[in-house]
Protein backbone atom coordinates (compact mmCIF):
# COMPACT_ATOMS: atom_id res chain seq x y z
CA MET A 1 99.74 163.04 121.85
CA LYS A 2 96.26 161.52 123.48
CA GLU A 3 94.66 161.39 119.85
CA LYS A 4 97.85 159.37 118.33
CA LYS A 5 97.70 156.43 121.05
CA ARG A 6 93.93 156.54 120.48
CA PHE A 7 94.69 156.22 116.74
CA ILE A 8 97.05 153.18 117.12
CA TRP A 9 95.20 151.82 119.36
CA GLN A 10 92.23 151.81 116.96
CA ILE A 11 94.73 150.43 114.52
CA GLY A 12 95.82 147.39 116.62
CA LEU A 13 92.35 146.69 117.60
CA ILE A 14 91.19 146.44 113.34
CA LEU A 15 94.53 144.15 113.27
CA LEU A 16 93.73 142.05 116.00
CA VAL A 17 89.89 141.52 114.39
CA PHE A 18 91.02 140.81 110.88
CA CYS A 19 93.56 138.42 112.32
CA SER A 20 91.29 136.68 114.51
CA GLY A 21 88.46 136.51 111.38
CA LEU A 22 91.67 134.67 109.29
CA ILE A 23 92.00 132.02 111.90
CA PHE A 24 88.23 131.56 111.99
CA TRP A 25 88.05 131.14 108.34
CA ASN A 26 90.74 128.75 108.08
CA VAL A 27 89.57 126.61 111.06
CA PHE A 28 85.86 126.96 110.73
CA ILE A 29 85.16 127.48 106.98
CA ILE A 30 88.21 126.01 104.66
CA ILE A 31 88.43 122.80 107.27
CA SER A 32 85.07 122.17 108.43
CA PRO A 33 84.41 119.27 110.77
CA SER A 34 82.53 117.63 108.18
CA ASP A 35 85.58 117.36 105.69
CA PRO A 36 88.44 115.16 106.00
CA LEU A 37 91.91 116.42 106.98
CA PRO A 38 94.34 116.62 104.06
CA VAL A 39 96.74 113.76 104.36
CA ARG A 40 100.39 114.09 103.28
CA VAL A 41 101.09 111.75 100.95
CA ALA A 42 104.83 111.83 100.08
CA TYR A 43 105.27 108.72 97.57
CA LEU A 44 104.73 108.51 93.92
CA THR A 45 103.51 105.20 91.98
CA HIS A 46 104.28 104.03 88.66
CA SER A 47 102.04 103.51 85.85
CA GLU A 48 104.17 101.96 83.79
CA PRO A 49 106.81 98.98 83.98
CA HIS A 50 109.84 100.25 86.50
CA ASN A 51 112.84 98.75 87.76
CA PHE A 52 114.97 100.49 90.19
CA SER A 53 118.33 99.91 89.77
CA TYR A 54 120.57 100.23 92.93
CA PRO A 55 123.38 102.05 92.30
CA VAL A 56 125.78 100.15 94.52
CA HIS A 57 129.06 101.89 92.55
CA LEU A 58 128.27 104.68 95.32
CA LEU A 59 129.20 102.54 97.97
CA SER A 60 132.62 102.15 99.19
CA GLU A 61 134.87 99.43 97.68
CA ASN A 62 134.75 97.07 100.65
CA ASP A 63 130.92 98.17 101.38
CA TYR A 64 129.50 94.50 101.46
CA SER A 65 132.04 93.63 104.51
CA LEU A 66 131.11 96.36 106.75
CA LEU A 67 128.00 96.84 108.83
CA ALA A 68 128.46 100.77 109.74
CA ASN A 69 131.70 100.94 111.18
CA TYR A 70 131.78 96.86 111.90
CA SER A 71 133.59 94.12 109.97
CA PHE A 72 130.49 91.91 108.65
CA ALA A 73 129.78 88.84 107.02
CA PHE A 74 126.60 86.72 106.58
CA SER A 75 126.61 83.79 108.65
CA ILE A 76 123.67 82.36 106.83
CA LEU A 77 122.64 83.43 103.55
CA ASN A 78 119.80 82.32 101.47
CA LEU A 79 119.05 83.77 98.03
CA ARG A 80 115.44 83.28 96.43
CA CYS A 81 114.77 86.61 94.77
CA SER A 82 113.89 86.31 90.95
CA LYS A 83 112.33 88.96 88.46
CA SER A 84 109.10 87.48 89.92
CA THR A 85 109.63 88.92 93.14
CA PHE A 86 106.92 91.52 93.81
CA LEU A 87 106.97 91.83 97.92
CA LEU A 88 110.09 90.88 100.12
CA ALA A 89 109.26 90.62 103.85
CA LEU A 90 111.87 90.72 106.05
CA VAL A 91 110.61 89.35 109.70
CA HIS A 92 113.06 90.06 112.19
CA SER A 93 113.24 87.31 114.79
CA ALA A 94 115.44 86.11 118.05
CA PRO A 95 117.65 83.22 117.25
CA LYS A 96 115.56 81.24 120.28
CA ASN A 97 112.10 82.07 118.50
CA PHE A 98 111.97 78.65 116.55
CA HIS A 99 108.01 78.29 117.19
CA LYS A 100 107.07 81.88 116.36
CA ARG A 101 108.74 81.48 112.74
CA MET A 102 107.29 78.12 112.20
CA VAL A 103 103.55 79.92 112.73
CA ILE A 104 104.05 82.17 110.52
CA ARG A 105 105.55 79.71 107.70
CA SER A 106 102.36 78.28 108.26
CA THR A 107 100.13 81.31 108.05
CA TRP A 108 100.82 84.48 106.42
CA GLY A 109 104.07 83.80 105.49
CA ASN A 110 103.30 80.32 103.90
CA LYS A 111 104.21 80.21 100.25
CA THR A 112 102.66 82.65 98.12
CA GLU A 113 102.84 83.76 94.25
CA ASN A 114 105.64 86.81 93.99
CA VAL A 115 106.49 87.25 97.65
CA GLU A 116 109.37 85.87 99.38
CA VAL A 117 109.44 85.82 103.14
CA PHE A 118 113.18 85.49 105.06
CA TYR A 119 113.61 85.76 108.98
CA VAL A 120 116.27 87.59 109.89
CA MET A 121 118.45 87.32 113.05
CA GLY A 122 121.74 87.87 114.69
CA SER A 123 124.26 84.98 115.85
CA SER A 124 123.36 83.02 119.13
CA SER A 125 126.04 82.31 122.03
CA ASN A 126 124.10 79.47 122.58
CA VAL A 127 125.82 76.49 120.53
CA ASP A 128 122.52 74.14 120.72
CA THR A 129 120.25 77.29 119.29
CA GLN A 130 123.13 77.98 116.61
CA ARG A 131 122.89 74.22 115.19
CA LYS A 132 119.04 74.33 115.55
CA ILE A 133 119.23 77.38 113.40
CA ASP A 134 121.43 75.94 111.03
CA ALA A 135 119.03 72.83 110.49
CA GLU A 136 116.10 75.32 110.25
CA SER A 137 118.20 77.21 107.58
CA ARG A 138 118.83 73.97 105.64
CA LYS A 139 114.90 72.73 105.56
CA TYR A 140 113.38 76.10 104.78
CA SER A 141 115.87 78.11 103.01
CA ASP A 142 114.66 81.60 104.42
CA VAL A 143 117.45 82.25 107.12
CA ILE A 144 119.45 85.27 106.70
CA GLN A 145 121.84 85.56 109.72
CA GLY A 146 124.98 88.13 110.55
CA ASN A 147 127.92 87.56 112.62
CA PHE A 148 126.98 89.80 115.25
CA LEU A 149 125.38 89.16 118.40
CA ASP A 150 121.71 88.97 118.63
CA VAL A 151 121.06 91.65 121.68
CA TYR A 152 118.95 94.66 122.04
CA ARG A 153 121.76 96.71 121.40
CA ASN A 154 122.76 95.45 118.17
CA LEU A 155 119.32 96.05 116.92
CA THR A 156 120.31 98.71 114.39
CA LEU A 157 122.87 96.52 113.15
CA LYS A 158 120.04 94.14 112.12
CA HIS A 159 118.36 96.65 110.40
CA ILE A 160 121.08 97.49 108.45
CA MET A 161 121.65 93.85 107.76
CA SER A 162 117.91 93.70 106.06
CA LEU A 163 118.90 96.59 103.89
CA LYS A 164 121.94 95.46 103.19
CA TYR A 165 120.47 92.22 102.07
CA VAL A 166 117.71 93.76 99.50
CA THR A 167 120.53 96.10 98.12
CA TYR A 168 122.87 93.15 96.78
CA HIS A 169 120.81 90.04 97.14
CA CYS A 170 117.40 91.20 96.30
CA PRO A 171 117.38 94.46 94.18
CA GLN A 172 114.15 92.85 91.91
CA ALA A 173 111.73 93.29 94.49
CA LYS A 174 108.92 96.23 93.93
CA TYR A 175 108.03 96.66 97.53
CA ILE A 176 109.76 95.77 101.13
CA LEU A 177 108.13 95.19 104.34
CA LYS A 178 109.87 94.75 107.29
CA THR A 179 108.12 93.27 110.15
CA ASP A 180 108.71 91.21 113.42
CA ASP A 181 107.98 87.51 114.45
CA ASP A 182 105.04 88.60 116.54
CA VAL A 183 102.85 90.58 113.68
CA PHE A 184 99.95 89.46 111.80
CA VAL A 185 100.31 90.19 108.27
CA ASN A 186 96.83 90.45 106.14
CA MET A 187 98.94 88.97 102.92
CA PRO A 188 96.18 88.63 100.63
CA LEU A 189 94.98 92.02 101.24
CA MET A 190 98.29 93.13 101.45
CA LYS A 191 99.09 91.71 97.88
CA ASN A 192 95.85 93.91 96.43
CA PHE A 193 96.66 96.48 98.13
CA LEU A 194 100.17 97.20 96.77
CA SER A 195 98.79 96.17 93.19
CA ASN A 196 95.69 97.90 93.20
CA ASP A 197 95.70 100.93 95.53
CA LEU A 198 99.55 101.42 94.95
CA SER A 199 100.90 100.11 91.78
CA PRO A 200 101.93 96.48 90.51
CA PHE A 201 104.88 98.46 88.65
CA GLY A 202 105.86 99.76 92.18
CA ALA A 203 106.43 103.11 93.87
CA SER A 204 109.36 105.97 94.93
CA GLN A 205 109.85 107.79 97.90
CA LEU A 206 107.44 105.23 100.10
CA LEU A 207 108.40 104.93 103.87
CA LEU A 208 104.83 103.98 104.80
CA CYS A 209 104.28 103.12 108.49
CA SER A 210 102.16 103.85 111.86
CA VAL A 211 104.29 107.20 112.03
CA GLN A 212 105.14 108.21 115.90
CA LYS A 213 105.30 111.86 116.20
CA SER A 214 107.03 113.72 119.73
CA ALA A 215 107.42 110.43 121.18
CA SER A 216 109.53 111.33 124.73
CA VAL A 217 112.81 109.76 125.23
CA LEU A 218 112.73 107.20 128.39
CA ARG A 219 115.40 108.26 130.57
CA THR A 220 114.05 105.44 133.63
CA TYR A 221 116.30 103.01 134.37
CA ARG A 222 113.59 100.46 134.70
CA SER A 223 113.06 100.46 130.66
CA LYS A 224 114.74 98.45 128.52
CA TRP A 225 114.41 101.51 126.30
CA ARG A 226 116.22 103.64 128.47
CA VAL A 227 118.71 106.00 126.80
CA ALA A 228 121.28 108.01 128.24
CA PHE A 229 121.63 111.46 127.66
CA GLU A 230 125.42 110.69 126.48
CA GLU A 231 123.41 108.68 123.75
CA TYR A 232 120.57 110.88 122.67
CA PRO A 233 120.91 114.44 124.51
CA PHE A 234 117.39 115.54 123.13
CA ARG A 235 114.07 115.19 124.99
CA LYS A 236 111.84 113.87 121.95
CA TYR A 237 112.50 111.75 119.26
CA PRO A 238 112.08 112.79 115.38
CA PRO A 239 109.05 111.27 113.61
CA TYR A 240 109.82 107.68 113.21
CA CYS A 241 108.32 104.03 111.97
CA PRO A 242 108.04 101.71 114.55
CA GLY A 243 109.98 98.90 113.13
CA TRP A 244 107.22 96.25 113.79
CA ALA A 245 105.68 97.26 110.25
CA ILE A 246 107.15 99.37 107.75
CA LEU A 247 106.88 99.00 103.92
CA TYR A 248 109.75 100.59 101.83
CA SER A 249 110.15 101.44 98.19
CA PRO A 250 113.51 100.40 96.84
CA ASP A 251 115.26 103.81 96.43
CA VAL A 252 114.32 104.70 100.14
CA VAL A 253 115.79 101.37 100.98
CA PHE A 254 118.94 102.48 99.21
CA ARG A 255 118.84 105.77 100.39
CA LEU A 256 118.66 104.64 104.03
CA TYR A 257 121.41 102.00 103.51
CA LYS A 258 124.22 104.29 102.12
CA SER A 259 123.35 107.13 105.07
CA ALA A 260 123.58 104.18 107.64
CA GLN A 261 126.98 103.01 106.32
CA ASN A 262 128.44 106.37 106.00
CA THR A 263 126.97 107.41 109.52
CA SER A 264 129.81 107.02 111.93
CA GLU A 265 127.85 107.06 115.25
CA ILE A 266 124.97 104.56 115.16
CA PHE A 267 121.89 105.00 117.57
CA TRP A 268 121.06 101.92 119.05
CA ILE A 269 117.42 101.90 118.56
CA ASP A 270 116.94 101.16 115.24
CA ASP A 271 113.65 102.47 114.50
CA VAL A 272 114.44 105.83 115.67
CA HIS A 273 118.01 105.67 113.98
CA ILE A 274 117.05 104.81 110.65
CA THR A 275 113.64 106.07 110.03
CA GLY A 276 113.99 109.14 112.12
CA ILE A 277 117.14 110.38 112.18
CA LEU A 278 118.44 109.48 109.24
CA ALA A 279 114.95 109.55 107.25
CA ALA A 280 115.08 113.56 108.38
CA LYS A 281 118.68 113.83 107.27
CA ASN A 282 117.74 112.42 103.82
CA ASN A 283 114.23 114.52 103.78
CA ILE A 284 112.53 111.32 103.37
CA VAL A 285 108.91 111.80 104.78
CA GLN A 286 106.93 109.18 106.25
CA THR A 287 103.55 108.48 105.26
CA ASP A 288 101.11 107.46 107.92
CA ASN A 289 99.26 104.17 107.99
CA THR A 290 97.53 104.01 111.16
CA ASP A 291 94.23 103.38 109.63
CA MET A 292 95.48 99.84 108.12
CA ILE A 293 96.18 98.45 111.59
CA ILE A 294 93.10 96.50 113.27
CA SER A 295 92.11 98.35 116.24
CA GLU A 296 92.67 96.41 119.60
CA SER A 297 88.66 96.08 120.05
CA ALA A 298 88.08 94.69 116.73
CA GLN A 299 91.01 92.49 117.17
CA HIS A 300 89.51 91.11 120.39
CA GLN A 301 86.37 90.22 118.69
CA LEU A 302 88.12 88.68 115.96
CA VAL A 303 90.44 86.67 117.93
CA ASN A 304 87.99 85.73 120.84
CA ASN A 305 84.42 85.98 119.35
CA ASP A 306 84.97 85.14 115.89
CA VAL A 307 83.71 88.19 114.68
CA PHE A 308 85.32 89.70 111.64
CA PRO A 309 85.66 93.25 111.17
CA LYS A 310 83.78 95.25 108.58
CA GLU A 311 86.99 97.86 108.74
CA LYS A 312 89.77 96.33 106.21
CA PHE A 313 92.92 95.87 108.03
CA LEU A 314 96.54 94.91 106.51
CA PHE A 315 98.00 94.56 109.97
CA GLY A 316 97.16 93.52 113.47
CA GLN A 317 98.46 94.77 116.52
CA PRO A 318 102.11 94.22 117.84
CA ASP A 319 103.10 91.68 120.07
CA LEU A 320 100.66 88.78 119.35
CA LYS A 321 100.59 85.38 120.97
CA GLU A 322 101.01 82.54 118.37
CA ARG A 323 97.36 81.53 119.22
CA GLU A 324 96.48 84.97 118.15
CA ILE A 325 98.21 84.84 114.74
CA ARG A 326 96.82 81.78 114.10
CA THR A 327 92.90 82.20 114.86
CA MET A 328 93.44 85.27 112.54
CA TRP A 329 94.71 83.84 109.81
CA ALA A 330 92.11 81.25 109.69
CA GLU A 331 89.66 84.08 110.30
CA VAL A 332 91.04 85.93 106.94
CA VAL A 333 91.28 82.96 104.77
CA ALA A 334 87.57 82.23 105.50
CA HIS A 335 86.64 85.39 103.86
CA THR A 336 86.77 86.65 100.56
CA VAL A 337 89.39 89.09 99.87
CA THR A 338 88.74 92.40 98.57
CA LYS A 339 90.18 93.66 95.51
CA SER A 340 91.12 97.25 97.00
CA ALA A 341 91.93 97.89 101.14
CA PHE A 342 90.00 101.28 100.80
CA LYS A 343 86.89 100.70 98.63
C-alpha cells in the first residue's frame, strides 16, 4: 500500500515538473522579452475596388422613422456625401458648443479632399440656442440634428442616429470616424493611414479604438456616469470603445445599427451599449489603437513648448481645450506628413 502511494506521489511530481516546464517554455522561450507580443487583428483590408452595399431591405419597413423603440425624425439633415467620399467624420457635439465646432472647422475639420465632416447633436430646449443652430446649419451645411433632447441619458440615441445617417445617407464612405468636439484628429496623417496602412479600397470587420477592458461599473452617486444595478447588474463592462475616437468599416456600422434597432432595451452609456454589448452579441472584435494616440507628456511638450513628437499619432488626448486644438493643428501643418503612420 505504501509503495502504491509512493508511486502515485512520484507520478504527480513528474507531471508537476512537466507542466512547469511547459509554462516556462511558453513564457520565456516562445515569447521572449525581446519579441513583440502578438496583436490580435480582427479586420480585413480590401486589395481591389470594393463598395459595400447596405442591405437596408433587412430592416423593418418603418425603420427610418424609428430610433430603437422611439419615434424619430431628423430635425436638421444635411447631405454632402458622394462617390468620392473616402472618410466620413461624425463629430458628436452639444447644441451650445458653437465655439468648439468653429475651432474644428478652422483646423482639422476644414475642407479636405474626399473627407466629409458633420456635427451630430440632439435638440435644444433653449429657443435661442436652437435658432443659432438653424443659422449655423444654413451657413455651413454640416449639422445633423435629431428630434430627441440632447442630454447624457440620450447619448445612445445620438450614437444610433449617427449609424442611421451613415446607413441611409452616406453609404459611399469607405471609413467612418466617430469622435467628439474636444478631440484633435491628425487629419493629414489619418488620410495616409487609411489609404496606405489600411487600404484605399476600404476594409471589413473594422472597429478600431483604444479598447477598454475590464472597466468597472461606477455606482457612486458623485459620478455623472453612475449606473444603477437595475440598469446594468454586472460589476464589469465587456470590452468596448471609448466614444471619442472610433473608426468603423461600413459593414460593422450596419451590423451594429441593425442590432441597435432590434434591441428592446438600450443602455444609456452609448460606448458600452453599442461597441461593447452589441459588438459582443454580433461577434465583432475591437482592434486596439492606443499606440496611435499621443501620450500626455508628448502632448504637453507639443502644446506648451513647441516640441513636435518623434512618435507619430492620429489622435490627441481627449477633453482638449480649444487653444490646445489650434496649437496642435498649427504644429501638424508646419511639419511634413509621412505616407505611413507606422514607417
